PDB file of N, CA and C in Angstrom:
ATOM      1  N   MET A   1     167.073  83.834 126.904  1.00  0.00           N
ATOM      2  CA  MET A   1     167.781  84.340 128.059  1.00  0.00           C
ATOM      3  C   MET A   1     167.811  85.868 127.950  1.00  0.00           C
ATOM      4  N   ASN A   2     167.374  86.542 128.988  1.00  0.00           N
ATOM      5  CA  ASN A   2     167.418  88.001 129.034  1.00  0.00           C
ATOM      6  C   ASN A   2     168.600  88.457 129.873  1.00  0.00           C
ATOM      7  N   ILE A   3     169.095  89.626 129.585  1.00  0.00           N
ATOM      8  CA  ILE A   3     170.216  90.202 130.323  1.00  0.00           C
ATOM      9  C   ILE A   3     169.678  91.394 131.095  1.00  0.00           C
ATOM     10  N   LYS A   4     169.916  91.410 132.402  1.00  0.00           N
ATOM     11  CA  LYS A   4     169.389  92.458 133.270  1.00  0.00           C
ATOM     12  C   LYS A   4     170.532  93.292 133.827  1.00  0.00           C
ATOM     13  N   TYR A   5     170.371  94.609 133.766  1.00  0.00           N
ATOM     14  CA  TYR A   5     171.313  95.533 134.388  1.00  0.00           C
ATOM     15  C   TYR A   5     170.500  96.661 135.006  1.00  0.00           C
ATOM     16  N   LYS A   6     170.519  96.741 136.333  1.00  0.00           N
ATOM     17  CA  LYS A   6     169.723  97.714 137.080  1.00  0.00           C
ATOM     18  C   LYS A   6     168.280  97.655 136.598  1.00  0.00           C
ATOM     19  N   ASN A   7     167.730  98.740 136.068  1.00  0.00           N
ATOM     20  CA  ASN A   7     166.334  98.718 135.623  1.00  0.00           C
ATOM     21  C   ASN A   7     166.217  98.532 134.107  1.00  0.00           C
ATOM     22  N   TYR A   8     167.277  98.070 133.459  1.00  0.00           N
ATOM     23  CA  TYR A   8     167.285  97.830 132.018  1.00  0.00           C
ATOM     24  C   TYR A   8     167.255  96.329 131.738  1.00  0.00           C
ATOM     25  N   THR A   9     166.604  95.950 130.640  1.00  0.00           N
ATOM     26  CA  THR A   9     166.578  94.561 130.202  1.00  0.00           C
ATOM     27  C   THR A   9     166.960  94.498 128.729  1.00  0.00           C
ATOM     28  N   ILE A  10     167.940  93.656 128.425  1.00  0.00           N
ATOM     29  CA  ILE A  10     168.366  93.417 127.050  1.00  0.00           C
ATOM     30  C   ILE A  10     167.850  92.025 126.687  1.00  0.00           C
ATOM     31  N   GLU A  11     166.991  91.980 125.676  1.00  0.00           N
ATOM     32  CA  GLU A  11     166.345  90.731 125.288  1.00  0.00           C
ATOM     33  C   GLU A  11     166.792  90.326 123.886  1.00  0.00           C
ATOM     34  N   PRO A  12     167.345  89.111 123.752  1.00  0.00           N
ATOM     35  CA  PRO A  12     167.756  88.648 122.424  1.00  0.00           C
ATOM     36  C   PRO A  12     166.554  88.563 121.478  1.00  0.00           C
ATOM     37  N   ASP A  13     166.773  88.939 120.232  1.00  0.00           N
ATOM     38  CA  ASP A  13     165.751  88.869 119.196  1.00  0.00           C
ATOM     39  C   ASP A  13     166.445  88.455 117.904  1.00  0.00           C
ATOM     40  N   GLY A  14     166.547  87.149 117.702  1.00  0.00           N
ATOM     41  CA  GLY A  14     167.314  86.648 116.562  1.00  0.00           C
ATOM     42  C   GLY A  14     168.791  86.943 116.777  1.00  0.00           C
ATOM     43  N   ALA A  15     169.408  87.593 115.807  1.00  0.00           N
ATOM     44  CA  ALA A  15     170.823  87.952 115.912  1.00  0.00           C
ATOM     45  C   ALA A  15     171.026  89.294 116.602  1.00  0.00           C
ATOM     46  N   ASN A  16     169.938  89.988 116.920  1.00  0.00           N
ATOM     47  CA  ASN A  16     170.010  91.316 117.539  1.00  0.00           C
ATOM     48  C   ASN A  16     169.351  91.305 118.910  1.00  0.00           C
ATOM     49  N   PHE A  17     169.188  92.507 119.490  1.00  0.00           N
ATOM     50  CA  PHE A  17     168.648  92.630 120.835  1.00  0.00           C
ATOM     51  C   PHE A  17     167.640  93.778 120.907  1.00  0.00           C
ATOM     52  N   ASN A  18     166.687  93.639 121.817  1.00  0.00           N
ATOM     53  CA  ASN A  18     165.738  94.703 122.135  1.00  0.00           C
ATOM     54  C   ASN A  18     166.066  95.214 123.529  1.00  0.00           C
ATOM     55  N   LEU A  19     165.928  96.510 123.733  1.00  0.00           N
ATOM     56  CA  LEU A  19     166.268  97.126 125.011  1.00  0.00           C
ATOM     57  C   LEU A  19     165.040  97.784 125.609  1.00  0.00           C
ATOM     58  N   SER A  20     164.801  97.524 126.898  1.00  0.00           N
ATOM     59  CA  SER A  20     163.690  98.165 127.594  1.00  0.00           C
ATOM     60  C   SER A  20     164.144  98.602 128.983  1.00  0.00           C
ATOM     61  N   LYS A  21     163.328  99.456 129.587  1.00  0.00           N
ATOM     62  CA  LYS A  21     163.655 100.039 130.893  1.00  0.00           C
ATOM     63  C   LYS A  21     162.398 100.034 131.759  1.00  0.00           C
ATOM     64  N   GLN A  22     162.535  99.623 133.006  1.00  0.00           N
ATOM     65  CA  GLN A  22     161.440  99.696 133.964  1.00  0.00           C
ATOM     66  C   GLN A  22     161.401 101.111 134.536  1.00  0.00           C
ATOM     67  N   VAL A  23     160.251 101.759 134.443  1.00  0.00           N
ATOM     68  CA  VAL A  23     160.105 103.120 134.958  1.00  0.00           C
ATOM     69  C   VAL A  23     158.952 103.173 135.946  1.00  0.00           C
ATOM     70  N   ASP A  24     159.091 104.035 136.940  1.00  0.00           N
ATOM     71  CA  ASP A  24     158.025 104.244 137.916  1.00  0.00           C
ATOM     72  C   ASP A  24     156.926 105.080 137.285  1.00  0.00           C
ATOM     73  N   GLY A  25     155.719 104.726 137.603  1.00  0.00           N
ATOM     74  CA  GLY A  25     154.586 105.481 137.091  1.00  0.00           C
ATOM     75  C   GLY A  25     153.455 105.433 138.085  1.00  0.00           C
ATOM     76  N   LYS A  26     152.326 105.979 137.692  1.00  0.00           N
ATOM     77  CA  LYS A  26     151.145 105.972 138.550  1.00  0.00           C
ATOM     78  C   LYS A  26     149.926 105.610 137.714  1.00  0.00           C
ATOM     79  N   THR A  27     148.985 104.941 138.345  1.00  0.00           N
ATOM     80  CA  THR A  27     147.727 104.628 137.692  1.00  0.00           C
ATOM     81  C   THR A  27     146.828 105.859 137.745  1.00  0.00           C
ATOM     82  N   LYS A  28     145.674 105.773 137.087  1.00  0.00           N
ATOM     83  CA  LYS A  28     144.731 106.893 137.113  1.00  0.00           C
ATOM     84  C   LYS A  28     144.242 107.194 138.519  1.00  0.00           C
ATOM     85  N   THR A  29     144.284 106.194 139.390  1.00  0.00           N
ATOM     86  CA  THR A  29     143.847 106.386 140.772  1.00  0.00           C
ATOM     87  C   THR A  29     144.977 106.876 141.677  1.00  0.00           C
ATOM     88  N   GLY A  30     146.166 107.052 141.112  1.00  0.00           N
ATOM     89  CA  GLY A  30     147.290 107.576 141.877  1.00  0.00           C
ATOM     90  C   GLY A  30     148.172 106.520 142.513  1.00  0.00           C
ATOM     91  N   GLU A  31     147.874 105.245 142.272  1.00  0.00           N
ATOM     92  CA  GLU A  31     148.684 104.173 142.837  1.00  0.00           C
ATOM     93  C   GLU A  31     149.987 104.041 142.043  1.00  0.00           C
ATOM     94  N   SER A  32     151.046 103.688 142.742  1.00  0.00           N
ATOM     95  CA  SER A  32     152.344 103.490 142.078  1.00  0.00           C
ATOM     96  C   SER A  32     152.325 102.198 141.277  1.00  0.00           C
ATOM     97  N   LYS A  33     152.984 102.236 140.135  1.00  0.00           N
ATOM     98  CA  LYS A  33     153.129 101.019 139.339  1.00  0.00           C
ATOM     99  C   LYS A  33     154.391 101.125 138.505  1.00  0.00           C
ATOM    100  N   LEU A  34     154.941  99.971 138.178  1.00  0.00           N
ATOM    101  CA  LEU A  34     156.091  99.906 137.277  1.00  0.00           C
ATOM    102  C   LEU A  34     155.579  99.645 135.872  1.00  0.00           C
ATOM    103  N   SER A  35     156.156 100.328 134.913  1.00  0.00           N
ATOM    104  CA  SER A  35     155.815 100.065 133.521  1.00  0.00           C
ATOM    105  C   SER A  35     157.109  99.894 132.735  1.00  0.00           C
ATOM    106  N   THR A  36     156.995  99.286 131.580  1.00  0.00           N
ATOM    107  CA  THR A  36     158.149  99.019 130.741  1.00  0.00           C
ATOM    108  C   THR A  36     158.184 100.017 129.595  1.00  0.00           C
ATOM    109  N   GLN A  37     159.317 100.680 129.444  1.00  0.00           N
ATOM    110  CA  GLN A  37     159.519 101.646 128.366  1.00  0.00           C
ATOM    111  C   GLN A  37     160.529 101.054 127.388  1.00  0.00           C
ATOM    112  N   SER A  38     160.140 100.940 126.133  1.00  0.00           N
ATOM    113  CA  SER A  38     161.041 100.407 125.123  1.00  0.00           C
ATOM    114  C   SER A  38     162.043 101.485 124.713  1.00  0.00           C
ATOM    115  N   LEU A  39     163.319 101.095 124.648  1.00  0.00           N
ATOM    116  CA  LEU A  39     164.370 102.026 124.236  1.00  0.00           C
ATOM    117  C   LEU A  39     164.952 101.686 122.876  1.00  0.00           C
ATOM    118  N   GLY A  40     164.534 100.571 122.294  1.00  0.00           N
ATOM    119  CA  GLY A  40     165.014 100.238 120.958  1.00  0.00           C
ATOM    120  C   GLY A  40     164.859  98.773 120.641  1.00  0.00           C
ATOM    121  N   TRP A  41     164.756  98.489 119.336  1.00  0.00           N
ATOM    122  CA  TRP A  41     164.597  97.126 118.839  1.00  0.00           C
ATOM    123  C   TRP A  41     165.661  96.828 117.800  1.00  0.00           C
ATOM    124  N   GLY A  42     165.996  95.551 117.705  1.00  0.00           N
ATOM    125  CA  GLY A  42     166.888  95.101 116.644  1.00  0.00           C
ATOM    126  C   GLY A  42     168.271  95.721 116.665  1.00  0.00           C
ATOM    127  N   MET A  43     168.794  95.941 117.870  1.00  0.00           N
ATOM    128  CA  MET A  43     170.104  96.588 117.996  1.00  0.00           C
ATOM    129  C   MET A  43     171.189  95.552 118.275  1.00  0.00           C
ATOM    130  N   LYS A  44     172.420  95.908 117.966  1.00  0.00           N
ATOM    131  CA  LYS A  44     173.558  95.092 118.353  1.00  0.00           C
ATOM    132  C   LYS A  44     173.754  95.249 119.858  1.00  0.00           C
ATOM    133  N   PHE A  45     174.420  94.273 120.480  1.00  0.00           N
ATOM    134  CA  PHE A  45     174.636  94.314 121.922  1.00  0.00           C
ATOM    135  C   PHE A  45     175.377  95.581 122.343  1.00  0.00           C
ATOM    136  N   THR A  46     176.411  95.942 121.593  1.00  0.00           N
ATOM    137  CA  THR A  46     177.192  97.135 121.945  1.00  0.00           C
ATOM    138  C   THR A  46     176.342  98.409 121.831  1.00  0.00           C
ATOM    139  N   THR A  47     175.384  98.418 120.910  1.00  0.00           N
ATOM    140  CA  THR A  47     174.480  99.565 120.781  1.00  0.00           C
ATOM    141  C   THR A  47     173.571  99.651 122.000  1.00  0.00           C
ATOM    142  N   CYS A  48     173.130  98.511 122.507  1.00  0.00           N
ATOM    143  CA  CYS A  48     172.311  98.502 123.728  1.00  0.00           C
ATOM    144  C   CYS A  48     173.089  99.097 124.902  1.00  0.00           C
ATOM    145  N   ILE A  49     174.347  98.699 125.047  1.00  0.00           N
ATOM    146  CA  ILE A  49     175.183  99.229 126.132  1.00  0.00           C
ATOM    147  C   ILE A  49     175.347 100.735 125.968  1.00  0.00           C
ATOM    148  N   ASP A  50     175.621 101.182 124.759  1.00  0.00           N
ATOM    149  CA  ASP A  50     175.764 102.609 124.478  1.00  0.00           C
ATOM    150  C   ASP A  50     174.475 103.362 124.837  1.00  0.00           C
ATOM    151  N   ARG A  51     173.340 102.791 124.492  1.00  0.00           N
ATOM    152  CA  ARG A  51     172.049 103.432 124.770  1.00  0.00           C
ATOM    153  C   ARG A  51     171.775 103.525 126.277  1.00  0.00           C
ATOM    154  N   ILE A  52     172.149 102.487 127.024  1.00  0.00           N
ATOM    155  CA  ILE A  52     171.996 102.514 128.488  1.00  0.00           C
ATOM    156  C   ILE A  52     172.843 103.638 129.075  1.00  0.00           C
ATOM    157  N   ILE A  53     174.073 103.764 128.608  1.00  0.00           N
ATOM    158  CA  ILE A  53     174.974 104.806 129.104  1.00  0.00           C
ATOM    159  C   ILE A  53     174.396 106.184 128.800  1.00  0.00           C
ATOM    160  N   LYS A  54     173.974 106.398 127.568  1.00  0.00           N
ATOM    161  CA  LYS A  54     173.424 107.702 127.190  1.00  0.00           C
ATOM    162  C   LYS A  54     172.150 108.021 127.966  1.00  0.00           C
ATOM    163  N   ASP A  55     171.310 107.018 128.191  1.00  0.00           N
ATOM    164  CA  ASP A  55     170.082 107.233 128.953  1.00  0.00           C
ATOM    165  C   ASP A  55     170.392 107.593 130.406  1.00  0.00           C
ATOM    166  N   THR A  56     171.382 106.920 130.977  1.00  0.00           N
ATOM    167  CA  THR A  56     171.793 107.201 132.353  1.00  0.00           C
ATOM    168  C   THR A  56     172.369 108.613 132.473  1.00  0.00           C
ATOM    169  N   LEU A  57     173.227 108.992 131.552  1.00  0.00           N
ATOM    170  CA  LEU A  57     173.828 110.328 131.588  1.00  0.00           C
ATOM    171  C   LEU A  57     172.796 111.425 131.299  1.00  0.00           C
ATOM    172  N   ALA A  58     171.784 111.123 130.497  1.00  0.00           N
ATOM    173  CA  ALA A  58     170.748 112.110 130.175  1.00  0.00           C
ATOM    174  C   ALA A  58     169.909 112.465 131.396  1.00  0.00           C
ATOM    175  N   ASP A  59     169.866 111.572 132.392  1.00  0.00           N
ATOM    176  CA  ASP A  59     169.116 111.856 133.613  1.00  0.00           C
ATOM    177  C   ASP A  59     169.806 112.903 134.492  1.00  0.00           C
ATOM    178  N   ARG A  60     171.062 113.139 134.240  1.00  0.00           N
ATOM    179  CA  ARG A  60     171.802 114.138 135.026  1.00  0.00           C
ATOM    180  C   ARG A  60     171.530 115.528 134.452  1.00  0.00           C
ATOM    181  N   THR A  61     171.421 116.511 135.319  1.00  0.00           N
ATOM    182  CA  THR A  61     171.041 117.851 134.865  1.00  0.00           C
ATOM    183  C   THR A  61     172.195 118.845 134.834  1.00  0.00           C
ATOM    184  N   GLU A  62     173.362 118.443 135.283  1.00  0.00           N
ATOM    185  CA  GLU A  62     174.476 119.387 135.329  1.00  0.00           C
ATOM    186  C   GLU A  62     175.080 119.634 133.948  1.00  0.00           C
ATOM    187  N   THR A  63     175.803 120.722 133.812  1.00  0.00           N
ATOM    188  CA  THR A  63     176.562 121.028 132.604  1.00  0.00           C
ATOM    189  C   THR A  63     178.025 120.750 132.904  1.00  0.00           C
ATOM    190  N   VAL A  64     178.653 119.938 132.041  1.00  0.00           N
ATOM    191  CA  VAL A  64     180.039 119.533 132.286  1.00  0.00           C
ATOM    192  C   VAL A  64     180.861 119.718 131.019  1.00  0.00           C
ATOM    193  N   SER A  65     182.156 119.649 131.190  1.00  0.00           N
ATOM    194  CA  SER A  65     183.057 119.749 130.036  1.00  0.00           C
ATOM    195  C   SER A  65     183.015 118.436 129.243  1.00  0.00           C
ATOM    196  N   LEU A  66     183.471 118.497 128.018  1.00  0.00           N
ATOM    197  CA  LEU A  66     183.530 117.306 127.177  1.00  0.00           C
ATOM    198  C   LEU A  66     184.413 116.241 127.812  1.00  0.00           C
ATOM    199  N   THR A  67     185.521 116.659 128.395  1.00  0.00           N
ATOM    200  CA  THR A  67     186.434 115.719 129.047  1.00  0.00           C
ATOM    201  C   THR A  67     185.746 114.986 130.186  1.00  0.00           C
ATOM    202  N   HIS A  68     184.990 115.732 130.990  1.00  0.00           N
ATOM    203  CA  HIS A  68     184.262 115.124 132.111  1.00  0.00           C
ATOM    204  C   HIS A  68     183.211 114.146 131.590  1.00  0.00           C
ATOM    205  N   PHE A  69     182.496 114.530 130.539  1.00  0.00           N
ATOM    206  CA  PHE A  69     181.477 113.656 129.959  1.00  0.00           C
ATOM    207  C   PHE A  69     182.106 112.355 129.474  1.00  0.00           C
ATOM    208  N   VAL A  70     183.220 112.452 128.765  1.00  0.00           N
ATOM    209  CA  VAL A  70     183.890 111.258 128.243  1.00  0.00           C
ATOM    210  C   VAL A  70     184.368 110.375 129.389  1.00  0.00           C
ATOM    211  N   ASP A  71     184.894 110.979 130.458  1.00  0.00           N
ATOM    212  CA  ASP A  71     185.324 110.214 131.634  1.00  0.00           C
ATOM    213  C   ASP A  71     184.142 109.470 132.255  1.00  0.00           C
ATOM    214  N   GLU A  72     183.014 110.157 132.413  1.00  0.00           N
ATOM    215  CA  GLU A  72     181.814 109.533 132.984  1.00  0.00           C
ATOM    216  C   GLU A  72     181.296 108.423 132.078  1.00  0.00           C
ATOM    217  N   TYR A  73     181.339 108.659 130.783  1.00  0.00           N
ATOM    218  CA  TYR A  73     180.908 107.654 129.806  1.00  0.00           C
ATOM    219  C   TYR A  73     181.759 106.391 129.960  1.00  0.00           C
ATOM    220  N   ARG A  74     183.056 106.560 130.022  1.00  0.00           N
ATOM    221  CA  ARG A  74     183.968 105.410 130.165  1.00  0.00           C
ATOM    222  C   ARG A  74     183.717 104.661 131.471  1.00  0.00           C
ATOM    223  N   LYS A  75     183.530 105.405 132.573  1.00  0.00           N
ATOM    224  CA  LYS A  75     183.270 104.769 133.866  1.00  0.00           C
ATOM    225  C   LYS A  75     182.012 103.918 133.803  1.00  0.00           C
ATOM    226  N   LEU A  76     180.944 104.490 133.253  1.00  0.00           N
ATOM    227  CA  LEU A  76     179.691 103.747 133.155  1.00  0.00           C
ATOM    228  C   LEU A  76     179.828 102.522 132.257  1.00  0.00           C
ATOM    229  N   LYS A  77     180.525 102.658 131.157  1.00  0.00           N
ATOM    230  CA  LYS A  77     180.714 101.532 130.246  1.00  0.00           C
ATOM    231  C   LYS A  77     181.451 100.397 130.944  1.00  0.00           C
ATOM    232  N   ASN A  78     182.522 100.731 131.648  1.00  0.00           N
ATOM    233  CA  ASN A  78     183.274  99.707 132.375  1.00  0.00           C
ATOM    234  C   ASN A  78     182.424  99.071 133.464  1.00  0.00           C
ATOM    235  N   GLU A  79     181.655  99.877 134.186  1.00  0.00           N
ATOM    236  CA  GLU A  79     180.778  99.358 135.238  1.00  0.00           C
ATOM    237  C   GLU A  79     179.752  98.382 134.660  1.00  0.00           C
ATOM    238  N   ILE A  80     179.140  98.758 133.558  1.00  0.00           N
ATOM    239  CA  ILE A  80     178.128  97.897 132.941  1.00  0.00           C
ATOM    240  C   ILE A  80     178.748  96.586 132.466  1.00  0.00           C
ATOM    241  N   LEU A  81     179.838  96.656 131.774  1.00  0.00           N
ATOM    242  CA  LEU A  81     180.461  95.451 131.229  1.00  0.00           C
ATOM    243  C   LEU A  81     180.947  94.524 132.333  1.00  0.00           C
ATOM    244  N   GLU A  82     181.317  95.071 133.498  1.00  0.00           N
ATOM    245  CA  GLU A  82     181.781  94.261 134.607  1.00  0.00           C
ATOM    246  C   GLU A  82     180.630  93.637 135.397  1.00  0.00           C
ATOM    247  N   THR A  83     179.450  94.251 135.366  1.00  0.00           N
ATOM    248  CA  THR A  83     178.383  93.798 136.257  1.00  0.00           C
ATOM    249  C   THR A  83     177.136  93.272 135.547  1.00  0.00           C
ATOM    250  N   VAL A  84     177.180  93.103 134.239  1.00  0.00           N
ATOM    251  CA  VAL A  84     176.008  92.568 133.544  1.00  0.00           C
ATOM    252  C   VAL A  84     175.739  91.164 134.085  1.00  0.00           C
ATOM    253  N   GLU A  85     174.495  90.951 134.491  1.00  0.00           N
ATOM    254  CA  GLU A  85     174.137  89.629 134.982  1.00  0.00           C
ATOM    255  C   GLU A  85     173.156  88.972 134.021  1.00  0.00           C
ATOM    256  N   VAL A  86     173.316  87.704 133.836  1.00  0.00           N
ATOM    257  CA  VAL A  86     172.473  86.959 132.916  1.00  0.00           C
ATOM    258  C   VAL A  86     171.398  86.252 133.723  1.00  0.00           C
ATOM    259  N   LEU A  87     170.135  86.451 133.331  1.00  0.00           N
ATOM    260  CA  LEU A  87     169.015  85.807 134.016  1.00  0.00           C
ATOM    261  C   LEU A  87     168.655  84.508 133.344  1.00  0.00           C
TER     262      LEU A  87
END
């Protein structure tokens, strides 16, 4: 059973989990295609959630205070834990 959240997939691997992300890309001919980017192997579930949050926040380009970052981190963590869907 895989766990899907937005463009991330958490896949069980024994007692641990592997994390991957679907990213947009292009072929050599310029056609759009989706590819899978691995974000980690053999991680605990909570580590996968932490990695998703950090990856999401890393996409933002603004500079913020530590307090703002922690607030955003908490919001994303709560959102993920509330909306994780099992496939």
